[in-house]
């Protein structure tokens, strides 16, 4: 299996080397084609993961005639195709000739047209269209379920019960007072009546 994969890889590598060699040979000739003088900025696959609101590291190449181009500075400009808003991003040269790096954070989703401003050591500037970058929106977080609290049994009102019990006690006390007074009145009225019935001492004599 490894041998089957190795043979096509070797063939592709040899084909790429031959193509590059032929292109360089054409650019070194007396009448080089037009692409040899063109400055090209390429992102490759580094811009395929743009997501709105998320910083992304973009590594891109600046070449001329398929060779690294020595630039003094490169600035990337992203233009929103929908509302024409612009984001200007500075870049940093890496240790590899022709290889640059930038931190890109695009705020909105959609299509953004990308341009590169390349400045040479002679002061010349190139405005180069790079590509149309597609920016996706971040995934929507799942909705959280509301937390339901168990129902609370209402406590019995203490004050009304105390008032009712106090009222009952007062009524019972009032009843006892009334009954006691009634008994006293009845006893007071019964004593004179008994005295009139009994015979006097004079009659007995």
C-alpha atoms as a PDB file:
ATOM      1  CA  UNK A   1       0.000   0.000   0.000  1.00  0.00           C
ATOM      2  CA  UNK A   2       2.822   2.398   0.904  1.00  0.00           C
ATOM      3  CA  UNK A   3       4.577   1.660  -2.392  1.00  0.00           C
ATOM      4  CA  UNK A   4       1.415   2.423  -4.334  1.00  0.00           C
ATOM      5  CA  UNK A   5       1.184   5.827  -2.657  1.00  0.00           C
ATOM      6  CA  UNK A   6       4.895   6.570  -2.908  1.00  0.00           C
ATOM      7  CA  UNK A   7       5.087   6.218  -6.682  1.00  0.00           C
ATOM      8  CA  UNK A   8       2.374   8.855  -7.449  1.00  0.00           C
ATOM      9  CA  UNK A   9       3.893  11.216  -4.863  1.00  0.00           C
ATOM     10  CA  UNK A  10       7.325  10.930  -6.430  1.00  0.00           C
ATOM     11  CA  UNK A  11       5.807  11.476  -9.860  1.00  0.00           C
ATOM     12  CA  UNK A  12       3.965  14.590  -8.665  1.00  0.00           C
ATOM     13  CA  UNK A  13       7.128  15.972  -7.065  1.00  0.00           C
ATOM     14  CA  UNK A  14       9.144  15.461 -10.220  1.00  0.00           C
ATOM     15  CA  UNK A  15       6.404  17.065 -12.333  1.00  0.00           C
ATOM     16  CA  UNK A  16       6.240  20.094 -10.008  1.00  0.00           C
ATOM     17  CA  UNK A  17      10.020  20.501 -10.081  1.00  0.00           C
ATOM     18  CA  UNK A  18      10.072  20.286 -13.858  1.00  0.00           C
ATOM     19  CA  UNK A  19       7.245  22.844 -14.170  1.00  0.00           C
ATOM     20  CA  UNK A  20       8.959  25.260 -11.788  1.00  0.00           C
ATOM     21  CA  UNK A  21      12.256  24.857 -13.562  1.00  0.00           C
ATOM     22  CA  UNK A  22      10.695  25.550 -16.931  1.00  0.00           C
ATOM     23  CA  UNK A  23       8.902  28.635 -15.588  1.00  0.00           C
ATOM     24  CA  UNK A  24      12.109  29.998 -14.089  1.00  0.00           C
ATOM     25  CA  UNK A  25      13.914  29.306 -17.295  1.00  0.00           C
ATOM     26  CA  UNK A  26      11.298  31.242 -19.233  1.00  0.00           C
ATOM     27  CA  UNK A  27      11.567  34.221 -16.856  1.00  0.00           C
ATOM     28  CA  UNK A  28      15.371  34.248 -17.227  1.00  0.00           C
ATOM     29  CA  UNK A  29      15.229  34.329 -21.015  1.00  0.00           C
ATOM     30  CA  UNK A  30      15.607  37.406 -23.222  1.00  0.00           C
ATOM     31  CA  UNK A  31      11.859  37.803 -23.745  1.00  0.00           C
ATOM     32  CA  UNK A  32      10.200  36.747 -20.475  1.00  0.00           C
ATOM     33  CA  UNK A  33       6.406  36.370 -20.484  1.00  0.00           C
ATOM     34  CA  UNK A  34       4.177  38.907 -18.742  1.00  0.00           C
ATOM     35  CA  UNK A  35       3.547  36.807 -15.631  1.00  0.00           C
ATOM     36  CA  UNK A  36       7.247  37.059 -14.766  1.00  0.00           C
ATOM     37  CA  UNK A  37       6.818  40.756 -13.905  1.00  0.00           C
ATOM     38  CA  UNK A  38       3.550  40.325 -12.027  1.00  0.00           C
ATOM     39  CA  UNK A  39       3.513  40.447  -8.230  1.00  0.00           C
ATOM     40  CA  UNK A  40       1.162  37.781  -6.922  1.00  0.00           C
ATOM     41  CA  UNK A  41      -0.230  37.392  -3.410  1.00  0.00           C
ATOM     42  CA  UNK A  42      -1.652  33.992  -2.562  1.00  0.00           C
ATOM     43  CA  UNK A  43      -3.389  32.755   0.567  1.00  0.00           C
ATOM     44  CA  UNK A  44      -3.503  29.097  -0.341  1.00  0.00           C
ATOM     45  CA  UNK A  45      -5.759  27.257   2.113  1.00  0.00           C
ATOM     46  CA  UNK A  46      -5.101  29.534   5.106  1.00  0.00           C
ATOM     47  CA  UNK A  47      -8.262  31.610   4.539  1.00  0.00           C
ATOM     48  CA  UNK A  48     -10.643  28.661   4.365  1.00  0.00           C
ATOM     49  CA  UNK A  49     -11.461  28.790   8.090  1.00  0.00           C
ATOM     50  CA  UNK A  50     -12.609  32.405   8.509  1.00  0.00           C
ATOM     51  CA  UNK A  51     -15.335  32.746  11.126  1.00  0.00           C
ATOM     52  CA  UNK A  52     -16.982  35.999  12.138  1.00  0.00           C
ATOM     53  CA  UNK A  53     -15.669  37.402  15.412  1.00  0.00           C
ATOM     54  CA  UNK A  54     -12.867  34.815  15.685  1.00  0.00           C
ATOM     55  CA  UNK A  55      -9.192  35.826  15.186  1.00  0.00           C
ATOM     56  CA  UNK A  56      -7.462  33.739  12.521  1.00  0.00           C
ATOM     57  CA  UNK A  57      -3.765  33.537  11.623  1.00  0.00           C
ATOM     58  CA  UNK A  58      -3.289  33.953   7.871  1.00  0.00           C
ATOM     59  CA  UNK A  59      -0.008  32.971   6.206  1.00  0.00           C
ATOM     60  CA  UNK A  60       0.380  34.092   2.592  1.00  0.00           C
ATOM     61  CA  UNK A  61       3.058  34.373  -0.073  1.00  0.00           C
ATOM     62  CA  UNK A  62       4.240  37.330  -2.134  1.00  0.00           C
ATOM     63  CA  UNK A  63       5.962  36.219  -5.334  1.00  0.00           C
ATOM     64  CA  UNK A  64       7.101  37.570  -8.677  1.00  0.00           C
ATOM     65  CA  UNK A  65       7.812  35.224 -11.531  1.00  0.00           C
ATOM     66  CA  UNK A  66       7.225  32.322  -9.105  1.00  0.00           C
ATOM     67  CA  UNK A  67      10.104  33.560  -6.945  1.00  0.00           C
ATOM     68  CA  UNK A  68       9.869  35.226  -3.512  1.00  0.00           C
ATOM     69  CA  UNK A  69       9.301  38.947  -3.876  1.00  0.00           C
ATOM     70  CA  UNK A  70      11.262  41.237  -1.581  1.00  0.00           C
ATOM     71  CA  UNK A  71       8.708  43.718  -0.266  1.00  0.00           C
ATOM     72  CA  UNK A  72       9.233  46.425   2.323  1.00  0.00           C
ATOM     73  CA  UNK A  73       5.713  46.095   3.674  1.00  0.00           C
ATOM     74  CA  UNK A  74       2.358  44.463   2.984  1.00  0.00           C
ATOM     75  CA  UNK A  75      -1.086  45.551   4.158  1.00  0.00           C
ATOM     76  CA  UNK A  76      -4.268  43.521   3.704  1.00  0.00           C
ATOM     77  CA  UNK A  77      -7.635  45.207   3.185  1.00  0.00           C
ATOM     78  CA  UNK A  78     -10.898  43.271   3.551  1.00  0.00           C
ATOM     79  CA  UNK A  79     -14.004  44.897   2.029  1.00  0.00           C
ATOM     80  CA  UNK A  80     -17.451  43.580   2.892  1.00  0.00           C
ATOM     81  CA  UNK A  81     -19.305  42.913  -0.334  1.00  0.00           C
ATOM     82  CA  UNK A  82     -22.641  43.699   1.318  1.00  0.00           C
ATOM     83  CA  UNK A  83     -22.129  47.121   2.943  1.00  0.00           C
ATOM     84  CA  UNK A  84     -18.624  48.121   1.692  1.00  0.00           C
ATOM     85  CA  UNK A  85     -17.229  48.265   5.244  1.00  0.00           C
ATOM     86  CA  UNK A  86     -13.433  47.903   5.389  1.00  0.00           C
ATOM     87  CA  UNK A  87     -10.990  46.206   7.714  1.00  0.00           C
ATOM     88  CA  UNK A  88      -7.292  47.074   7.276  1.00  0.00           C
ATOM     89  CA  UNK A  89      -4.885  44.485   8.683  1.00  0.00           C
ATOM     90  CA  UNK A  90      -1.107  44.978   9.052  1.00  0.00           C
ATOM     91  CA  UNK A  91       1.159  42.019   8.325  1.00  0.00           C
ATOM     92  CA  UNK A  92       4.542  40.743   9.531  1.00  0.00           C
ATOM     93  CA  UNK A  93       7.310  39.226   7.414  1.00  0.00           C
ATOM     94  CA  UNK A  94       8.482  35.779   8.502  1.00  0.00           C
ATOM     95  CA  UNK A  95      12.018  34.409   8.347  1.00  0.00           C
ATOM     96  CA  UNK A  96      11.159  32.731   5.041  1.00  0.00           C
ATOM     97  CA  UNK A  97      11.576  35.040   2.017  1.00  0.00           C
ATOM     98  CA  UNK A  98       8.253  35.929   0.441  1.00  0.00           C
ATOM     99  CA  UNK A  99       6.218  34.519   3.344  1.00  0.00           C
ATOM    100  CA  UNK A 100       4.089  36.867   5.458  1.00  0.00           C
ATOM    101  CA  UNK A 101       1.728  36.462   8.409  1.00  0.00           C
ATOM    102  CA  UNK A 102      -1.311  38.404   9.658  1.00  0.00           C
ATOM    103  CA  UNK A 103      -3.920  38.163  12.408  1.00  0.00           C
ATOM    104  CA  UNK A 104      -7.358  38.654  10.854  1.00  0.00           C
ATOM    105  CA  UNK A 105     -10.615  39.169  12.750  1.00  0.00           C
ATOM    106  CA  UNK A 106     -13.620  39.885  10.543  1.00  0.00           C
ATOM    107  CA  UNK A 107     -16.728  41.006  12.462  1.00  0.00           C
ATOM    108  CA  UNK A 108     -19.510  39.924  10.075  1.00  0.00           C
ATOM    109  CA  UNK A 109     -20.280  36.912   7.951  1.00  0.00           C
ATOM    110  CA  UNK A 110     -20.630  36.939   4.176  1.00  0.00           C
ATOM    111  CA  UNK A 111     -18.242  37.585   1.280  1.00  0.00           C
ATOM    112  CA  UNK A 112     -15.226  39.844   1.823  1.00  0.00           C
ATOM    113  CA  UNK A 113     -13.076  40.972  -1.127  1.00  0.00           C
ATOM    114  CA  UNK A 114      -9.403  40.843  -0.151  1.00  0.00           C
ATOM    115  CA  UNK A 115      -6.748  43.218  -1.490  1.00  0.00           C
ATOM    116  CA  UNK A 116      -3.027  43.441  -0.731  1.00  0.00           C
ATOM    117  CA  UNK A 117      -1.037  46.656  -0.747  1.00  0.00           C
ATOM    118  CA  UNK A 118       2.579  45.677  -1.468  1.00  0.00           C
ATOM    119  CA  UNK A 119       5.289  48.327  -1.089  1.00  0.00           C
ATOM    120  CA  UNK A 120       8.769  47.794  -2.573  1.00  0.00           C
ATOM    121  CA  UNK A 121      12.103  49.193  -1.465  1.00  0.00           C
ATOM    122  CA  UNK A 122      11.942  51.716  -4.306  1.00  0.00           C
ATOM    123  CA  UNK A 123       8.687  53.182  -3.009  1.00  0.00           C
ATOM    124  CA  UNK A 124       6.503  51.559  -5.671  1.00  0.00           C
ATOM    125  CA  UNK A 125       3.193  50.176  -4.432  1.00  0.00           C
ATOM    126  CA  UNK A 126       1.066  47.414  -5.875  1.00  0.00           C
ATOM    127  CA  UNK A 127      -2.631  47.032  -5.159  1.00  0.00           C
ATOM    128  CA  UNK A 128      -3.400  43.390  -5.813  1.00  0.00           C
ATOM    129  CA  UNK A 129      -6.709  41.593  -5.667  1.00  0.00           C
ATOM    130  CA  UNK A 130      -6.173  38.373  -3.713  1.00  0.00           C
ATOM    131  CA  UNK A 131      -9.475  36.504  -3.424  1.00  0.00           C
ATOM    132  CA  UNK A 132     -13.050  36.561  -2.183  1.00  0.00           C
ATOM    133  CA  UNK A 133     -13.027  35.258   1.350  1.00  0.00           C
ATOM    134  CA  UNK A 134     -16.157  33.572   2.644  1.00  0.00           C
ATOM    135  CA  UNK A 135     -16.767  34.236   6.340  1.00  0.00           C
ATOM    136  CA  UNK A 136     -19.146  31.967   8.222  1.00  0.00           C
ATOM    137  CA  UNK A 137     -21.157  32.850  11.307  1.00  0.00           C
ATOM    138  CA  UNK A 138     -20.266  31.181  14.622  1.00  0.00           C
ATOM    139  CA  UNK A 139     -22.502  28.281  15.663  1.00  0.00           C
ATOM    140  CA  UNK A 140     -25.513  29.178  17.764  1.00  0.00           C
ATOM    141  CA  UNK A 141     -25.194  27.776  21.299  1.00  0.00           C
ATOM    142  CA  UNK A 142     -28.011  25.422  22.350  1.00  0.00           C
ATOM    143  CA  UNK A 143     -30.829  27.006  24.279  1.00  0.00           C
ATOM    144  CA  UNK A 144     -30.601  26.412  27.992  1.00  0.00           C
ATOM    145  CA  UNK A 145     -33.552  24.772  29.686  1.00  0.00           C
ATOM    146  CA  UNK A 146     -35.152  26.950  32.360  1.00  0.00           C
ATOM    147  CA  UNK A 147     -34.506  25.808  35.906  1.00  0.00           C
ATOM    148  CA  UNK A 148     -37.798  24.977  37.615  1.00  0.00           C
ATOM    149  CA  UNK A 149     -37.956  25.292  41.371  1.00  0.00           C
ATOM    150  CA  UNK A 150     -40.197  22.919  43.350  1.00  0.00           C
ATOM    151  CA  UNK A 151     -43.460  24.496  44.530  1.00  0.00           C
ATOM    152  CA  UNK A 152     -43.361  25.835  48.070  1.00  0.00           C
ATOM    153  CA  UNK A 153     -46.299  24.972  50.341  1.00  0.00           C
ATOM    154  CA  UNK A 154     -47.601  28.212  51.806  1.00  0.00           C
ATOM    155  CA  UNK A 155     -47.261  28.387  55.576  1.00  0.00           C
ATOM    156  CA  UNK A 156     -50.406  28.708  57.676  1.00  0.00           C
ATOM    157  CA  UNK A 157     -51.017  32.320  58.682  1.00  0.00           C
ATOM    158  CA  UNK A 158     -50.057  32.657  62.350  1.00  0.00           C
ATOM    159  CA  UNK A 159     -51.715  35.981  63.094  1.00  0.00           C
ATOM    160  CA  UNK A 160     -55.311  35.071  62.035  1.00  0.00           C
ATOM    161  CA  UNK A 161     -55.143  31.813  63.995  1.00  0.00           C
ATOM    162  CA  UNK A 162     -53.907  33.660  67.064  1.00  0.00           C
ATOM    163  CA  UNK A 163     -56.734  36.183  66.697  1.00  0.00           C
ATOM    164  CA  UNK A 164     -59.312  33.411  66.399  1.00  0.00           C
ATOM    165  CA  UNK A 165     -57.955  31.584  69.444  1.00  0.00           C
ATOM    166  CA  UNK A 166     -57.838  34.823  71.388  1.00  0.00           C
ATOM    167  CA  UNK A 167     -61.426  35.551  70.440  1.00  0.00           C
ATOM    168  CA  UNK A 168     -62.550  32.099  71.536  1.00  0.00           C
ATOM    169  CA  UNK A 169     -60.725  32.445  74.857  1.00  0.00           C
ATOM    170  CA  UNK A 170     -62.265  35.875  75.445  1.00  0.00           C
ATOM    171  CA  UNK A 171     -65.727  34.520  74.628  1.00  0.00           C
ATOM    172  CA  UNK A 172     -65.246  31.597  77.028  1.00  0.00           C
ATOM    173  CA  UNK A 173     -64.043  33.931  79.744  1.00  0.00           C
ATOM    174  CA  UNK A 174     -66.992  36.261  79.197  1.00  0.00           C
ATOM    175  CA  UNK A 175     -69.359  33.284  79.394  1.00  0.00           C
ATOM    176  CA  UNK A 176     -67.865  32.197  82.672  1.00  0.00           C
ATOM    177  CA  UNK A 177     -68.237  35.706  84.089  1.00  0.00           C
ATOM    178  CA  UNK A 178     -71.860  35.897  82.986  1.00  0.00           C
ATOM    179  CA  UNK A 179     -72.682  32.493  84.469  1.00  0.00           C
ATOM    180  CA  UNK A 180     -70.995  33.413  87.746  1.00  0.00           C
ATOM    181  CA  UNK A 181     -72.973  36.654  87.977  1.00  0.00           C
ATOM    182  CA  UNK A 182     -76.197  34.785  87.187  1.00  0.00           C
ATOM    183  CA  UNK A 183     -75.556  32.318  89.979  1.00  0.00           C
ATOM    184  CA  UNK A 184     -74.881  35.087  92.466  1.00  0.00           C
ATOM    185  CA  UNK A 185     -78.081  36.896  91.541  1.00  0.00           C
ATOM    186  CA  UNK A 186     -80.086  33.683  91.816  1.00  0.00           C
ATOM    187  CA  UNK A 187     -78.644  32.894  95.244  1.00  0.00           C
ATOM    188  CA  UNK A 188     -79.332  36.436  96.491  1.00  0.00           C
ATOM    189  CA  UNK A 189     -82.953  36.315  95.370  1.00  0.00           C
ATOM    190  CA  UNK A 190     -83.642  32.876  96.914  1.00  0.00           C
ATOM    191  CA  UNK A 191     -82.556  33.829 100.511  1.00  0.00           C
ATOM    192  CA  UNK A 192     -85.375  36.389 101.292  1.00  0.00           C
ATOM    193  CA  UNK A 193     -88.022  34.101  99.890  1.00  0.00           C
ATOM    194  CA  UNK A 194     -87.037  31.328 102.328  1.00  0.00           C
ATOM    195  CA  UNK A 195     -87.104  33.712 105.288  1.00  0.00           C
ATOM    196  CA  UNK A 196     -90.775  34.726 104.717  1.00  0.00           C
ATOM    197  CA  UNK A 197     -91.992  31.114 104.727  1.00  0.00           C
ATOM    198  CA  UNK A 198     -90.403  30.041 108.049  1.00  0.00           C
ATOM    199  CA  UNK A 199     -92.517  30.889 111.177  1.00  0.00           C
ATOM    200  CA  UNK A 200     -91.366  33.612 113.532  1.00  0.00           C
ATOM    201  CA  UNK A 201     -90.392  33.089 117.120  1.00  0.00           C
ATOM    202  CA  UNK A 202     -93.438  34.980 118.472  1.00  0.00           C
ATOM    203  CA  UNK A 203     -95.872  32.661 116.726  1.00  0.00           C
ATOM    204  CA  UNK A 204     -94.149  29.647 118.251  1.00  0.00           C
ATOM    205  CA  UNK A 205     -94.649  31.071 121.766  1.00  0.00           C
END
